[in-house]
Every structure is written in C-alpha cells, then in structure tokens.
Amino acid sequence: MPRKTHTDYSALDSPDVLMFLFHPRKTPGPVNGGGRFKEILIPVEGDVHVGARFHMAHAKGPTILFFHGNGEIVADYDDIGPMFNRLGINFMAVDYRGYGCSGGSPTVSAMMADCHPIFDFVDTWKTKNGFIGPLMVMGRSLGSASALELAAACSDRIDGLVIESGFAWAGPLLRLLGVDPDRIGFDESRGFANVDKIRGFVKPTVIIHAEFDHIIPFSDGQALYKASGAGDKVLVKIPGANHNDIFMRGLDRYLEAISSLAGKLS
C-alpha cells in the first residue's frame, strides 16, 4: 500500500483559497468513447468517485498516470491521449472531485488524499487487464502536487516521473492567484513540499517548463530540477511558450522528452 505523507492542508481548504485554486467543469453531454478510450469511475472515499479516461493501446508499453491542471478536465486530453498511444505509451488521465463526471467538491485535502486510492486502482487495473509495462506518473501545473505526493509516498511502484509546469513553492502561486498566505495562516512548512518530495525520488525524471510561464515561472522548474534526487534527470525548456500554450508551441520537444523517458524504461 502507498505510504501517505502526513500533512495538514486545512489552511488551503478555506473558501477564499478554493475559489481561486480550483476551476471545475463538468463533462458536456453523454460520454461515448467510441473505442477511443475507456471511461472509468474510480472510488476514492465512501460513495465518491472521480472520473478517468484510459487511452490504452499497448499491453507491453509504458503507461502514464496523468494529473491535469486546475482548469482542465480529462475530456480536454481526448486528442492528446492518441498522440501518446502512437508513441507506444498508454495514457491514463484522471480528474479531481467535482471535475468532469466526478462526484464531490474539490479541496486540497481531498486532492492530496485521493491520489493514493487512484494510484492503487490504476496499478491494480493495469495488471488485471494485461498491461505489463512500466508505470510513469505525470503532473501538469496543479497536478504536479499529486504526482510528487505519489513519487514521495510510493516510489518503489513508480518507474519514472514527469513534471510539466510544476510549482516548487505554493506561497508565490497563492499570491499570484490573489490569496495572502499570511492571512490564511499558511507557510511553506505546511504546504505541498514539492521540492522536498522530489529529492527522494531517484528514478528517471523529466521536468518540462515553458520559458515564459506567466503563472508558475521557469525558475520553479529549475528549482525542481536542481532538487531532484534522480541520477537520470532532464530539464526541458519550451522556448517562447507560456503556461497555457506550452503544448501547442513545443509539441515536438514535449513529446520527444516523454518518449525518450519511456524508451529508457521499456
């Protein structure tokens, strides 16, 4: 079982923070994957489930468990999943509470707790369905917190790590979003500790960051890269890109970095 890190995120669960940190959207209309993906509900607590879309194509290939940004849903990756499949990579995108077809409401405490049963479910589902390749965990933007939580808690079950547009410290991000950390009683010692968590992950790691990220500066990507405990680590800068157009501006470089990591693990 995963070894959960024990952090009190209650300071980040105040309504003043949540209204800026999470921007949930529901999946529009009925879902019909048409064979392109599997729509799955993952139980996380009691009768609460979070939605996921599994783009599975290669039984022996590596698999990515992906946590997206705060304004996205898994449906936004319906075109990207097949791109990974063409590279020989299976792609599992998961939502947060209140997003897509998920139940409940998003909070920081729930997000950080939910990644553990999500990981357990994915690891078990993958094995039961004959997908025997290595497992990578990837987080974009806010999703970097979930990915690094898992990297710290269950590194023995993760073969590779990808952090895209990830944040090193929460304080500057909160200020940018209009939240005064001092007013809500927050300090970094009670935060996500992304820098500390990445230190303990020693397996192959890729950090991808936009050169002109206007939300999470490139220096955060540099800090995560410097702190990473991996012997095999790569920092990929996407020239000319910002936080929201990183994939569009750096598609080839983005996919090449992840494909290279997958090749090392296969």
Foldseek 3Di string as FASTA:
>chain_A
DWAFDDFDPVLCQDPVNCVLQADADEAPDDDDCVPQWDWDWFDQDDPWTWIKTKRDDAQAFEEEEEEEGRNDARVVCSVVQVVCVVLVYIYMYIYFDRHYPTHDDDGPVRLQRRLVSVVVVVVVVSVVVRRPFAYEYEYEAVGLLNQLSRLQTCLVRHQEYEYENYAQFCQVLSVVSPHHCVVSVDDRVNDSNSLVSQLPRAHEYEYEYECAAPRHHVVRSVSSQVSHNYPHYYYHYQYPDYSPCSCVRRVVVVSVVVSVSSVVRD
